[in-house]
Amino acid sequence: MPENVVFDIYGLRWQIALLFKIWKSLLCIDKAGKMNIFRFGSYLYGRLLFILLSTELVAFIKETLVDNEIDVELSEWKTVKLIKKRYKIVSACIKGPKQLKKILSQLIKIIIKTCKKERKETGKNKDRPTPAQKLKSLA
């Protein structure tokens, strides 16, 4: 395997670390107080379900942006934080597909405006490819 490919793959490990940081910091998976084992099971399953849904939602939004040829790289941190803070996705799912579609379309518009990934444009970082560009080149 060429050296530059190894460096690109190794560089992507930070993206995995960021996902765990999001789960820990924003979704509070490490903050379980003293409780009954059955309540803890429910708490853990609820958190894991939210992690699954939010991760899938972010992936869906990114795919939608690519399909619509919108050149925006999203920040997972900002996107999950926005979803957690402002949108009741679960209640929209319960109300039905029309309500869910309405909320998702609103959410995508807000995410495009407010959740862009910021790059440090100084020194050697200026020409460094983004994680998304690295994944495209490896594919």
C-alpha atoms as a PDB file:
ATOM      1  CA  MET A   1       0.000   0.000   0.000  1.00  0.00           C
ATOM      2  CA  PRO A   2       1.455   3.401  -0.949  1.00  0.00           C
ATOM      3  CA  GLU A   3       2.639   5.628   1.882  1.00  0.00           C
ATOM      4  CA  ASN A   4       0.282   8.519   1.059  1.00  0.00           C
ATOM      5  CA  VAL A   5      -2.748   6.183   1.199  1.00  0.00           C
ATOM      6  CA  VAL A   6      -1.684   4.933   4.635  1.00  0.00           C
ATOM      7  CA  PHE A   7      -1.369   8.536   5.858  1.00  0.00           C
ATOM      8  CA  ASP A   8      -4.809   9.393   4.454  1.00  0.00           C
ATOM      9  CA  ILE A   9      -6.418   6.402   6.135  1.00  0.00           C
ATOM     10  CA  TYR A  10      -4.646   7.112   9.406  1.00  0.00           C
ATOM     11  CA  GLY A  11      -5.768  10.737   9.199  1.00  0.00           C
ATOM     12  CA  LEU A  12      -9.391   9.602   9.001  1.00  0.00           C
ATOM     13  CA  ARG A  13      -9.117   8.006  12.453  1.00  0.00           C
ATOM     14  CA  TRP A  14      -9.791  11.471  13.889  1.00  0.00           C
ATOM     15  CA  GLN A  15     -13.248  11.380  12.325  1.00  0.00           C
ATOM     16  CA  ILE A  16     -14.021   8.206  14.281  1.00  0.00           C
ATOM     17  CA  ALA A  17     -12.740   9.818  17.477  1.00  0.00           C
ATOM     18  CA  LEU A  18     -14.998  12.807  16.779  1.00  0.00           C
ATOM     19  CA  LEU A  19     -18.041  10.552  16.536  1.00  0.00           C
ATOM     20  CA  PHE A  20     -17.317   9.085  19.967  1.00  0.00           C
ATOM     21  CA  LYS A  21     -16.741  12.591  21.330  1.00  0.00           C
ATOM     22  CA  ILE A  22     -20.131  13.682  19.965  1.00  0.00           C
ATOM     23  CA  TRP A  23     -21.817  10.687  21.555  1.00  0.00           C
ATOM     24  CA  LYS A  24     -20.162  11.311  24.888  1.00  0.00           C
ATOM     25  CA  SER A  25     -20.441  15.103  25.031  1.00  0.00           C
ATOM     26  CA  LEU A  26     -23.695  15.896  23.248  1.00  0.00           C
ATOM     27  CA  LEU A  27     -25.661  12.736  23.917  1.00  0.00           C
ATOM     28  CA  CYS A  28     -24.347  12.213  27.458  1.00  0.00           C
ATOM     29  CA  ILE A  29     -23.817   8.467  27.198  1.00  0.00           C
ATOM     30  CA  ASP A  30     -21.380   8.646  30.099  1.00  0.00           C
ATOM     31  CA  LYS A  31     -23.773  10.361  32.507  1.00  0.00           C
ATOM     32  CA  ALA A  32     -25.815   7.608  34.062  1.00  0.00           C
ATOM     33  CA  GLY A  33     -26.528   8.172  37.729  1.00  0.00           C
ATOM     34  CA  LYS A  34     -27.258   5.519  40.280  1.00  0.00           C
ATOM     35  CA  MET A  35     -30.350   3.624  39.167  1.00  0.00           C
ATOM     36  CA  ASN A  36     -32.058   0.270  38.986  1.00  0.00           C
ATOM     37  CA  ILE A  37     -30.511  -2.129  36.429  1.00  0.00           C
ATOM     38  CA  PHE A  38     -33.751  -2.249  34.413  1.00  0.00           C
ATOM     39  CA  ARG A  39     -33.966   1.542  34.279  1.00  0.00           C
ATOM     40  CA  PHE A  40     -30.311   1.657  33.222  1.00  0.00           C
ATOM     41  CA  GLY A  41     -31.085  -0.797  30.410  1.00  0.00           C
ATOM     42  CA  SER A  42     -33.896   1.455  29.193  1.00  0.00           C
ATOM     43  CA  TYR A  43     -31.669   4.530  29.534  1.00  0.00           C
ATOM     44  CA  LEU A  44     -28.854   2.891  27.569  1.00  0.00           C
ATOM     45  CA  TYR A  45     -31.152   1.586  24.822  1.00  0.00           C
ATOM     46  CA  GLY A  46     -32.749   5.019  24.493  1.00  0.00           C
ATOM     47  CA  ARG A  47     -29.362   6.715  24.126  1.00  0.00           C
ATOM     48  CA  LEU A  48     -28.148   4.119  21.632  1.00  0.00           C
ATOM     49  CA  LEU A  49     -31.359   4.486  19.635  1.00  0.00           C
ATOM     50  CA  PHE A  50     -30.878   8.266  19.507  1.00  0.00           C
ATOM     51  CA  ILE A  51     -27.257   7.751  18.397  1.00  0.00           C
ATOM     52  CA  LEU A  52     -28.425   5.428  15.622  1.00  0.00           C
ATOM     53  CA  LEU A  53     -31.189   7.766  14.465  1.00  0.00           C
ATOM     54  CA  SER A  54     -29.072  10.918  14.564  1.00  0.00           C
ATOM     55  CA  THR A  55     -26.173   9.225  12.757  1.00  0.00           C
ATOM     56  CA  GLU A  56     -28.521   7.938  10.060  1.00  0.00           C
ATOM     57  CA  LEU A  57     -30.180  11.350   9.780  1.00  0.00           C
ATOM     58  CA  VAL A  58     -26.828  13.106   9.320  1.00  0.00           C
ATOM     59  CA  ALA A  59     -25.853  10.527   6.668  1.00  0.00           C
ATOM     60  CA  PHE A  60     -29.218  11.029   4.920  1.00  0.00           C
ATOM     61  CA  ILE A  61     -28.771  14.805   4.905  1.00  0.00           C
ATOM     62  CA  LYS A  62     -25.230  14.516   3.539  1.00  0.00           C
ATOM     63  CA  GLU A  63     -26.459  12.162   0.813  1.00  0.00           C
ATOM     64  CA  THR A  64     -29.270  14.600  -0.037  1.00  0.00           C
ATOM     65  CA  LEU A  65     -26.747  17.405  -0.399  1.00  0.00           C
ATOM     66  CA  VAL A  66     -24.584  15.284  -2.708  1.00  0.00           C
ATOM     67  CA  ASP A  67     -27.607  14.208  -4.780  1.00  0.00           C
ATOM     68  CA  ASN A  68     -28.682  17.836  -5.179  1.00  0.00           C
ATOM     69  CA  GLU A  69     -25.099  18.855  -6.020  1.00  0.00           C
ATOM     70  CA  ILE A  70     -24.904  21.241  -3.063  1.00  0.00           C
ATOM     71  CA  ASP A  71     -21.224  21.640  -2.246  1.00  0.00           C
ATOM     72  CA  VAL A  72     -21.368  21.939   1.551  1.00  0.00           C
ATOM     73  CA  GLU A  73     -19.408  19.823   4.000  1.00  0.00           C
ATOM     74  CA  LEU A  74     -21.367  19.450   7.224  1.00  0.00           C
ATOM     75  CA  SER A  75     -20.034  19.426  10.739  1.00  0.00           C
ATOM     76  CA  GLU A  76     -21.381  16.360  12.507  1.00  0.00           C
ATOM     77  CA  TRP A  77     -20.958  18.123  15.867  1.00  0.00           C
ATOM     78  CA  LYS A  78     -23.038  21.145  14.853  1.00  0.00           C
ATOM     79  CA  THR A  79     -25.638  19.017  13.078  1.00  0.00           C
ATOM     80  CA  VAL A  80     -26.240  16.600  15.979  1.00  0.00           C
ATOM     81  CA  LYS A  81     -26.284  19.504  18.429  1.00  0.00           C
ATOM     82  CA  LEU A  82     -28.940  21.262  16.331  1.00  0.00           C
ATOM     83  CA  ILE A  83     -31.029  18.100  15.959  1.00  0.00           C
ATOM     84  CA  LYS A  84     -30.854  17.413  19.689  1.00  0.00           C
ATOM     85  CA  LYS A  85     -31.660  20.977  20.665  1.00  0.00           C
ATOM     86  CA  ARG A  86     -34.360  22.090  18.265  1.00  0.00           C
ATOM     87  CA  TYR A  87     -36.166  19.294  16.499  1.00  0.00           C
ATOM     88  CA  LYS A  88     -38.604  16.691  17.680  1.00  0.00           C
ATOM     89  CA  ILE A  89     -37.881  14.045  15.056  1.00  0.00           C
ATOM     90  CA  VAL A  90     -39.421  11.230  17.083  1.00  0.00           C
ATOM     91  CA  SER A  91     -42.745  13.058  17.526  1.00  0.00           C
ATOM     92  CA  ALA A  92     -42.761  13.806  13.779  1.00  0.00           C
ATOM     93  CA  CYS A  93     -42.253  10.097  13.045  1.00  0.00           C
ATOM     94  CA  ILE A  94     -45.240   9.258  15.219  1.00  0.00           C
ATOM     95  CA  LYS A  95     -47.448  11.866  13.547  1.00  0.00           C
ATOM     96  CA  GLY A  96     -46.796  10.397  10.124  1.00  0.00           C
ATOM     97  CA  PRO A  97     -44.792  10.694   6.927  1.00  0.00           C
ATOM     98  CA  LYS A  98     -46.158  14.098   5.895  1.00  0.00           C
ATOM     99  CA  GLN A  99     -45.130  15.704   9.174  1.00  0.00           C
ATOM    100  CA  LEU A 100     -41.733  13.995   9.058  1.00  0.00           C
ATOM    101  CA  LYS A 101     -41.114  15.154   5.478  1.00  0.00           C
ATOM    102  CA  LYS A 102     -42.058  18.721   6.435  1.00  0.00           C
ATOM    103  CA  ILE A 103     -39.717  18.767   9.435  1.00  0.00           C
ATOM    104  CA  LEU A 104     -36.855  17.164   7.496  1.00  0.00           C
ATOM    105  CA  SER A 105     -37.100  19.694   4.675  1.00  0.00           C
ATOM    106  CA  GLN A 106     -37.032  22.552   7.207  1.00  0.00           C
ATOM    107  CA  LEU A 107     -34.170  20.900   9.033  1.00  0.00           C
ATOM    108  CA  ILE A 108     -32.074  20.456   5.881  1.00  0.00           C
ATOM    109  CA  LYS A 109     -32.445  24.147   4.990  1.00  0.00           C
ATOM    110  CA  ILE A 110     -31.358  25.245   8.465  1.00  0.00           C
ATOM    111  CA  ILE A 111     -28.479  22.753   8.561  1.00  0.00           C
ATOM    112  CA  ILE A 112     -27.114  23.985   5.227  1.00  0.00           C
ATOM    113  CA  LYS A 113     -27.039  27.527   6.607  1.00  0.00           C
ATOM    114  CA  THR A 114     -25.760  26.883  10.122  1.00  0.00           C
ATOM    115  CA  CYS A 115     -23.845  23.597  10.268  1.00  0.00           C
ATOM    116  CA  LYS A 116     -21.053  24.015   7.743  1.00  0.00           C
ATOM    117  CA  LYS A 117     -17.706  22.547   8.671  1.00  0.00           C
ATOM    118  CA  GLU A 118     -15.152  25.273   9.293  1.00  0.00           C
ATOM    119  CA  ARG A 119     -11.611  24.895   8.068  1.00  0.00           C
ATOM    120  CA  LYS A 120      -8.550  26.546   9.448  1.00  0.00           C
ATOM    121  CA  GLU A 121      -7.054  28.255   6.416  1.00  0.00           C
ATOM    122  CA  THR A 122      -3.602  28.903   7.845  1.00  0.00           C
ATOM    123  CA  GLY A 123      -0.187  27.603   6.875  1.00  0.00           C
ATOM    124  CA  LYS A 124       0.026  24.030   5.681  1.00  0.00           C
ATOM    125  CA  ASN A 125      -3.693  23.375   6.428  1.00  0.00           C
ATOM    126  CA  LYS A 126      -4.653  25.544   3.460  1.00  0.00           C
ATOM    127  CA  ASP A 127      -3.914  22.862   0.869  1.00  0.00           C
ATOM    128  CA  ARG A 128      -4.801  19.833   3.009  1.00  0.00           C
ATOM    129  CA  PRO A 129      -7.810  17.864   1.740  1.00  0.00           C
ATOM    130  CA  THR A 130     -10.905  17.605   3.927  1.00  0.00           C
ATOM    131  CA  PRO A 131     -11.933  14.188   5.311  1.00  0.00           C
ATOM    132  CA  ALA A 132     -14.668  13.974   2.676  1.00  0.00           C
ATOM    133  CA  GLN A 133     -12.126  14.638  -0.087  1.00  0.00           C
ATOM    134  CA  LYS A 134      -9.830  11.964   1.375  1.00  0.00           C
ATOM    135  CA  LEU A 135     -12.647   9.410   1.371  1.00  0.00           C
ATOM    136  CA  LYS A 136     -13.501  10.260  -2.259  1.00  0.00           C
ATOM    137  CA  SER A 137      -9.888   9.818  -3.322  1.00  0.00           C
ATOM    138  CA  LEU A 138      -9.643   6.454  -1.521  1.00  0.00           C
ATOM    139  CA  ALA A 139     -12.896   5.141  -3.004  1.00  0.00           C
END
